Amino acid sequence: MSFFGRGRSDSPNQRASQAGGIGPETETKIVLIKRRTRLEELVIRYNTIQQAQFYVERLGADFGDYIREDRVYRSALHQAVETLGMIGRVQEVEREHVSNFIFGERDVVVVLGQDGLVANTLKYVTHQPLIGVNPDPQRWDGALLPFTVGELSAVVSDLLRDKRPIKEVRLAQAELNDGQVLYAVNDLFIGRRTHVSARYELRLNEAAEQQSSSGIIVSTGMGSTGWLRSVLAGAAGIASAAGGADTSTASAPSFDPSFGWDSPYLYFSVREPYPSRATSANLVFGRIDERSPLRVVSQMPESGVIFSDGVEDDCLEFGSGVEASITVAERRGRLAV
């Protein structure tokens, strides 16, 4: 079975690769996702590199580090484009355009890190496997960036020959009652855009309650070591200080320590729930799966949102009366490893 779909005949580029000859004359299309460096962002904000340098150094920071990072990333990008250009036709796409980009069924998708860029891209591709490349291994650990630029040629060639292992990632999905859908690779946030008190009704199986909190975090297995971990660690620490509770995240009620990237379930945690005459704080942590979705009905007349993977602009408006169903997505991310 091809990594690019079941029951489809090989394209010319696949036949060429299987024959041992992958070259620019093939039909392989490679989408290279890139990002701006910190230096580029500063120049956009302050118009010139001199003004950017003045701003950074005035605050006592090392502007040379911004220059070094930019130089290394630009070099990696140049090398990646040259390497991929020997394999097929390369289309470069900036990070901010990924959400509107239409990926072809047989596109090869390469992301020139960091990890957040991989996560942000993964939720917009469909079945295409994604190759995460670390542009600066001395700077970034890159949990989702297993490859260097120097390995790109071999990795893409293996992928076209169906000889590269693929790791599946389960995504979270938020669907509103008007049909809008938002996917998340790491986590969803449900609450107020300003992170002040959010009002809503929470439903899970037969349980339901009115809540006021600073928002709900829903985590996938991939995201469980991020935001969810920090929320659980903070809650356990507070509970321990207040009453001697067990501070082990793994022993938290109903929490599965084997929660992994391909786990077919999610966990939700309510941040800072406030009990009052009108609101409760009992349904604050639990597991979600396809048979037991989490349902949230907004009671926020303004600034209610659902956003994914820490990107507040990548959101659904979640105003009063709107209902969201949160569950595991049928769509799965696929990472080359």
Protein backbone atom coordinates (compact mmCIF):
# COMPACT_ATOMS: atom_id res chain seq x y z
CA MET A 1 0.00 0.00 0.00
CA SER A 2 1.29 3.45 -0.90
CA PHE A 3 1.68 6.03 1.83
CA PHE A 4 -0.28 8.39 -0.41
CA GLY A 5 -3.47 6.35 -0.73
CA ARG A 6 -4.93 2.90 -1.22
CA GLY A 7 -5.76 1.48 -4.62
CA ARG A 8 -4.16 4.24 -6.70
CA SER A 9 -1.76 3.53 -9.56
CA ASP A 10 1.80 4.76 -9.23
CA SER A 11 2.48 8.23 -10.58
CA PRO A 12 5.43 8.83 -12.93
CA ASN A 13 7.55 10.15 -10.06
CA GLN A 14 6.94 6.98 -8.04
CA ARG A 15 7.84 4.76 -11.00
CA ALA A 16 10.97 6.81 -11.53
CA SER A 17 11.92 6.56 -7.87
CA GLN A 18 11.36 2.80 -7.87
CA ALA A 19 13.65 2.55 -10.89
CA GLY A 20 16.30 4.42 -8.94
CA GLY A 21 16.06 7.72 -10.78
CA ILE A 22 14.48 10.70 -9.09
CA GLY A 23 15.20 13.96 -10.85
CA PRO A 24 13.76 17.38 -11.64
CA GLU A 25 12.10 16.00 -14.76
CA THR A 26 9.62 14.02 -12.61
CA GLU A 27 6.21 15.26 -11.52
CA THR A 28 7.00 15.21 -7.79
CA LYS A 29 5.69 18.32 -6.08
CA ILE A 30 7.27 19.22 -2.75
CA VAL A 31 5.63 21.79 -0.47
CA LEU A 32 8.21 23.37 1.81
CA ILE A 33 6.71 25.09 4.85
CA LYS A 34 8.92 27.80 6.30
CA ARG A 35 8.69 30.51 8.93
CA ARG A 36 10.08 33.94 9.64
CA THR A 37 13.00 34.16 12.06
CA ARG A 38 12.91 36.39 15.12
CA LEU A 39 15.11 38.87 13.27
CA GLU A 40 12.72 39.05 10.32
CA GLU A 41 9.80 39.63 12.69
CA LEU A 42 11.69 42.46 14.38
CA VAL A 43 12.55 44.11 11.07
CA ILE A 44 8.90 43.96 10.04
CA ARG A 45 7.94 45.62 13.33
CA TYR A 46 10.68 48.26 13.43
CA ASN A 47 11.22 48.77 9.67
CA THR A 48 15.02 48.45 9.64
CA ILE A 49 17.60 46.13 11.12
CA GLN A 50 19.30 49.10 12.79
CA GLN A 51 16.12 50.08 14.64
CA ALA A 52 15.54 46.45 15.59
CA GLN A 53 19.09 46.26 16.97
CA PHE A 54 18.58 49.46 18.97
CA TYR A 55 15.36 48.09 20.51
CA VAL A 56 16.90 44.73 21.50
CA GLU A 57 20.17 46.10 22.85
CA ARG A 58 18.39 48.84 24.77
CA LEU A 59 16.72 46.07 26.76
CA GLY A 60 20.09 44.42 27.42
CA ALA A 61 19.58 41.42 25.13
CA ASP A 62 22.15 39.91 22.76
CA PHE A 63 21.26 41.05 19.26
CA GLY A 64 24.03 38.86 17.89
CA ASP A 65 21.98 35.80 18.85
CA TYR A 66 19.15 37.01 16.60
CA ILE A 67 21.62 37.41 13.74
CA ARG A 68 23.14 33.96 14.30
CA GLU A 69 19.73 32.30 14.39
CA ASP A 70 18.69 34.09 11.20
CA ARG A 71 21.90 33.15 9.40
CA VAL A 72 21.62 29.46 10.31
CA TYR A 73 17.96 29.28 9.32
CA ARG A 74 18.53 31.03 6.00
CA SER A 75 21.41 28.68 5.22
CA ALA A 76 19.26 25.65 6.06
CA LEU A 77 16.42 26.99 3.90
CA HIS A 78 18.76 27.56 0.94
CA GLN A 79 20.20 24.05 1.28
CA ALA A 80 16.72 22.52 1.59
CA VAL A 81 15.46 24.27 -1.55
CA GLU A 82 18.52 23.15 -3.52
CA THR A 83 18.27 19.56 -2.30
CA LEU A 84 14.53 19.27 -2.88
CA GLY A 85 14.87 20.96 -6.27
CA MET A 86 16.94 17.98 -7.43
CA ILE A 87 14.00 15.71 -6.62
CA GLY A 88 11.01 17.66 -7.87
CA ARG A 89 9.20 20.97 -8.11
CA VAL A 90 9.42 22.96 -4.87
CA GLN A 91 6.73 25.35 -3.65
CA GLU A 92 7.62 27.45 -0.62
CA VAL A 93 4.76 28.39 1.72
CA GLU A 94 4.99 30.83 4.64
CA ARG A 95 3.60 29.77 8.00
CA GLU A 96 0.74 32.27 7.95
CA HIS A 97 -0.56 30.90 4.66
CA VAL A 98 -0.73 27.25 5.70
CA SER A 99 -4.32 27.42 6.95
CA ASN A 100 -5.53 28.53 3.50
CA PHE A 101 -3.20 26.40 1.40
CA ILE A 102 -4.69 23.50 -0.57
CA PHE A 103 -2.39 20.48 -0.41
CA GLY A 104 -2.46 18.10 -3.37
CA GLU A 105 -3.16 14.43 -2.73
CA ARG A 106 0.37 13.40 -3.71
CA ASP A 107 2.30 16.39 -2.44
CA VAL A 108 5.39 15.71 -0.37
CA VAL A 109 5.17 18.04 2.64
CA VAL A 110 8.39 19.20 4.31
CA VAL A 111 8.41 21.49 7.34
CA LEU A 112 11.58 23.41 8.24
CA GLY A 113 10.94 23.60 12.04
CA GLN A 114 10.39 24.43 14.90
CA ASP A 115 8.04 21.91 16.53
CA GLY A 116 5.17 24.39 16.62
CA LEU A 117 5.32 24.77 12.86
CA VAL A 118 5.03 20.99 12.44
CA ALA A 119 1.96 20.89 14.71
CA ASN A 120 0.38 23.86 12.94
CA THR A 121 0.90 22.25 9.52
CA LEU A 122 -0.13 18.74 10.52
CA LYS A 123 -3.77 19.70 11.12
CA TYR A 124 -4.17 21.11 7.59
CA VAL A 125 -2.78 18.20 5.60
CA THR A 126 -5.04 15.19 5.03
CA HIS A 127 -3.35 11.83 4.41
CA GLN A 128 0.01 13.14 3.18
CA PRO A 129 2.93 12.17 5.42
CA LEU A 130 4.89 15.11 6.78
CA ILE A 131 8.67 15.38 7.08
CA GLY A 132 9.89 17.51 10.00
CA VAL A 133 13.36 19.01 9.52
CA ASN A 134 15.43 20.65 12.25
CA PRO A 135 17.18 23.69 10.75
CA ASP A 136 19.35 24.29 13.83
CA PRO A 137 19.98 21.18 15.97
CA GLN A 138 22.30 23.14 18.26
CA ARG A 139 19.43 25.44 19.19
CA TRP A 140 16.26 23.31 19.00
CA ASP A 141 15.69 19.88 20.56
CA GLY A 142 13.00 19.20 17.95
CA ALA A 143 10.81 16.37 19.25
CA LEU A 144 8.86 16.60 15.97
CA LEU A 145 11.96 17.33 13.86
CA PRO A 146 13.78 14.00 13.53
CA PHE A 147 15.74 14.92 10.41
CA THR A 148 18.47 17.37 9.41
CA VAL A 149 18.68 19.14 6.08
CA GLY A 150 21.50 16.82 5.08
CA GLU A 151 19.17 13.84 5.39
CA LEU A 152 16.39 15.29 3.24
CA SER A 153 17.33 13.66 -0.03
CA ALA A 154 17.40 10.15 1.45
CA VAL A 155 14.20 10.67 3.46
CA VAL A 156 12.17 11.96 0.51
CA SER A 157 13.51 9.20 -1.74
CA ASP A 158 12.52 6.59 0.86
CA LEU A 159 9.08 8.14 1.18
CA LEU A 160 8.47 8.03 -2.56
CA ARG A 161 9.46 4.35 -2.56
CA ASP A 162 7.18 3.58 0.43
CA LYS A 163 10.23 2.59 2.46
CA ARG A 164 9.97 5.24 5.19
CA PRO A 165 8.16 4.37 8.47
CA ILE A 166 5.17 6.55 9.33
CA LYS A 167 3.88 7.39 12.80
CA GLU A 168 0.20 8.26 13.17
CA VAL A 169 -0.99 11.11 15.39
CA ARG A 170 -4.57 11.38 16.67
CA LEU A 171 -6.06 14.88 16.45
CA ALA A 172 -8.73 16.58 18.53
CA GLN A 173 -11.81 18.06 16.89
CA ALA A 174 -14.20 20.80 17.94
CA GLU A 175 -17.43 20.95 15.95
CA LEU A 176 -20.02 23.69 16.45
CA ASN A 177 -23.73 23.22 15.96
CA ASP A 178 -23.53 25.41 12.85
CA GLY A 179 -21.15 22.92 11.21
CA GLN A 180 -17.84 24.74 11.70
CA VAL A 181 -14.94 22.46 12.62
CA LEU A 182 -11.52 23.14 14.12
CA TYR A 183 -8.74 20.55 14.50
CA ALA A 184 -5.89 20.47 17.01
CA VAL A 185 -2.67 18.47 17.07
CA ASN A 186 -1.71 19.35 20.66
CA ASP A 187 -4.63 20.97 22.41
CA LEU A 188 -7.80 23.04 22.26
CA PHE A 189 -8.61 25.98 24.50
CA ILE A 190 -12.26 26.81 25.19
CA GLY A 191 -13.03 30.05 27.00
CA ARG A 192 -12.67 33.81 26.73
CA ARG A 193 -10.17 35.37 24.36
CA THR A 194 -8.87 37.46 27.25
CA HIS A 195 -8.58 34.39 29.54
CA VAL A 196 -10.86 36.04 32.13
CA SER A 197 -13.82 34.15 33.59
CA ALA A 198 -15.76 32.13 31.04
CA ARG A 199 -19.36 30.97 31.59
CA TYR A 200 -20.74 27.83 29.98
CA GLU A 201 -22.55 24.58 30.57
CA LEU A 202 -20.39 21.45 30.49
CA ARG A 203 -21.78 18.02 29.64
CA LEU A 204 -20.06 14.63 29.67
CA ASN A 205 -22.18 11.47 29.38
CA GLU A 206 -24.98 11.87 31.98
CA ALA A 207 -23.19 14.58 33.98
CA ALA A 208 -23.84 18.28 33.37
CA GLU A 209 -23.11 21.45 35.30
CA GLN A 210 -22.91 25.20 35.03
CA GLN A 211 -19.35 26.45 35.34
CA SER A 212 -17.33 29.62 35.62
CA SER A 213 -13.61 29.18 35.01
CA SER A 214 -10.63 30.58 33.18
CA GLY A 215 -11.18 28.04 30.40
CA ILE A 216 -11.03 24.39 29.43
CA ILE A 217 -7.94 22.65 28.05
CA VAL A 218 -8.47 19.57 25.86
CA SER A 219 -5.28 17.64 25.10
CA THR A 220 -4.27 14.98 22.59
CA GLY A 221 -1.62 12.38 23.36
CA MET A 222 0.93 14.44 21.48
CA GLY A 223 0.07 17.53 23.52
CA SER A 224 -0.09 15.76 26.88
CA THR A 225 3.46 16.75 27.80
CA GLY A 226 2.68 20.43 27.22
CA TRP A 227 -0.22 22.53 28.46
CA LEU A 228 -2.12 19.64 30.06
CA ARG A 229 0.95 18.54 32.00
CA SER A 230 1.45 22.03 33.39
CA VAL A 231 -2.22 22.32 34.39
CA LEU A 232 -2.16 18.95 36.18
CA ALA A 233 1.16 19.69 37.86
CA GLY A 234 -0.13 23.02 39.15
CA ALA A 235 -3.37 21.48 40.41
CA ALA A 236 -1.53 18.63 42.13
CA GLY A 237 0.90 21.03 43.77
CA ILE A 238 -1.88 23.20 45.11
CA ALA A 239 -3.81 20.17 46.37
CA SER A 240 -0.69 18.85 48.08
CA ALA A 241 0.03 22.15 49.81
CA ALA A 242 -3.58 22.49 50.87
CA GLY A 243 -4.22 18.95 52.07
CA GLY A 244 -1.44 16.49 51.37
CA ALA A 245 -2.82 15.07 48.10
CA ASP A 246 -0.74 12.84 45.85
CA THR A 247 1.26 15.05 43.48
CA SER A 248 1.92 12.35 40.88
CA THR A 249 0.33 13.21 37.53
CA ALA A 250 0.24 9.54 36.57
CA SER A 251 -1.86 8.73 39.64
CA ALA A 252 -4.38 11.50 39.00
CA PRO A 253 -7.93 10.09 38.83
CA SER A 254 -8.57 8.24 35.57
CA PHE A 255 -5.32 9.46 33.98
CA ASP A 256 -3.57 6.88 31.80
CA PRO A 257 0.24 7.32 31.97
CA SER A 258 0.55 5.53 28.59
CA PHE A 259 -1.38 8.36 26.88
CA GLY A 260 0.48 8.50 23.55
CA TRP A 261 0.46 10.17 20.15
CA ASP A 262 -1.85 7.55 18.63
CA SER A 263 -4.19 7.15 21.63
CA PRO A 264 -7.86 7.18 20.49
CA TYR A 265 -8.97 9.45 23.31
CA LEU A 266 -8.40 12.91 24.79
CA TYR A 267 -8.28 14.45 28.27
CA PHE A 268 -9.91 17.68 29.38
CA SER A 269 -9.08 19.82 32.37
CA VAL A 270 -10.96 22.88 33.63
CA ARG A 271 -8.68 25.72 34.70
CA GLU A 272 -9.50 27.45 37.98
CA PRO A 273 -13.17 26.45 38.26
CA TYR A 274 -15.10 28.71 40.62
CA PRO A 275 -17.89 27.20 42.76
CA SER A 276 -20.73 29.55 43.66
CA ARG A 277 -24.52 29.53 44.11
CA ALA A 278 -24.90 29.43 40.32
CA THR A 279 -21.84 27.39 39.29
CA SER A 280 -20.22 24.10 40.29
CA ALA A 281 -16.71 22.65 40.20
CA ASN A 282 -17.17 18.88 40.17
CA LEU A 283 -16.82 18.01 36.48
CA VAL A 284 -13.30 19.38 36.09
CA PHE A 285 -11.20 16.56 34.64
CA GLY A 286 -11.96 13.56 32.48
CA ARG A 287 -11.44 11.44 29.43
CA ILE A 288 -13.11 11.98 26.05
CA ASP A 289 -13.50 9.51 23.21
CA GLU A 290 -15.74 8.95 20.20
CA ARG A 291 -18.48 7.41 22.34
CA SER A 292 -18.21 10.04 25.08
CA PRO A 293 -17.69 13.49 23.55
CA LEU A 294 -17.46 16.60 25.70
CA ARG A 295 -20.27 19.07 25.01
CA VAL A 296 -19.96 22.73 25.90
CA VAL A 297 -22.73 25.33 25.54
CA SER A 298 -21.43 28.89 25.60
CA GLN A 299 -22.94 31.51 27.88
CA MET A 300 -20.44 34.19 26.85
CA PRO A 301 -22.03 37.19 25.09
CA GLU A 302 -18.64 38.37 23.84
CA SER A 303 -15.04 37.21 23.31
CA GLY A 304 -15.86 33.51 23.62
CA VAL A 305 -13.49 31.43 21.47
CA ILE A 306 -12.15 27.97 20.78
CA PHE A 307 -8.58 28.02 19.51
CA SER A 308 -6.06 25.30 18.79
CA ASP A 309 -2.39 24.65 19.47
CA GLY A 310 -1.78 27.98 21.18
CA VAL A 311 -2.56 30.02 18.06
CA GLU A 312 -5.29 32.46 19.11
CA ASP A 313 -5.92 33.61 15.55
CA ASP A 314 -6.73 30.02 14.56
CA CYS A 315 -10.10 29.98 16.28
CA LEU A 316 -13.85 29.54 16.19
CA GLU A 317 -16.08 32.25 17.63
CA PHE A 318 -17.93 30.79 20.59
CA GLY A 319 -20.70 33.18 21.63
CA SER A 320 -23.82 32.73 23.71
CA GLY A 321 -25.98 29.77 22.72
CA VAL A 322 -23.38 28.09 20.50
CA GLU A 323 -22.77 24.43 21.32
CA ALA A 324 -19.46 22.67 20.71
CA SER A 325 -18.89 18.93 20.58
CA ILE A 326 -15.29 17.96 21.41
CA THR A 327 -14.00 14.53 20.46
CA VAL A 328 -11.24 12.60 18.70
CA ALA A 329 -11.03 13.51 15.02
CA GLU A 330 -11.35 10.89 12.31
CA ARG A 331 -8.54 12.71 10.52
CA ARG A 332 -5.06 11.58 11.58
CA GLY A 333 -1.72 13.24 11.20
CA ARG A 334 1.12 11.21 9.69
CA LEU A 335 4.76 11.90 10.48
CA ALA A 336 7.74 10.40 8.69
CA VAL A 337 10.16 8.95 11.24
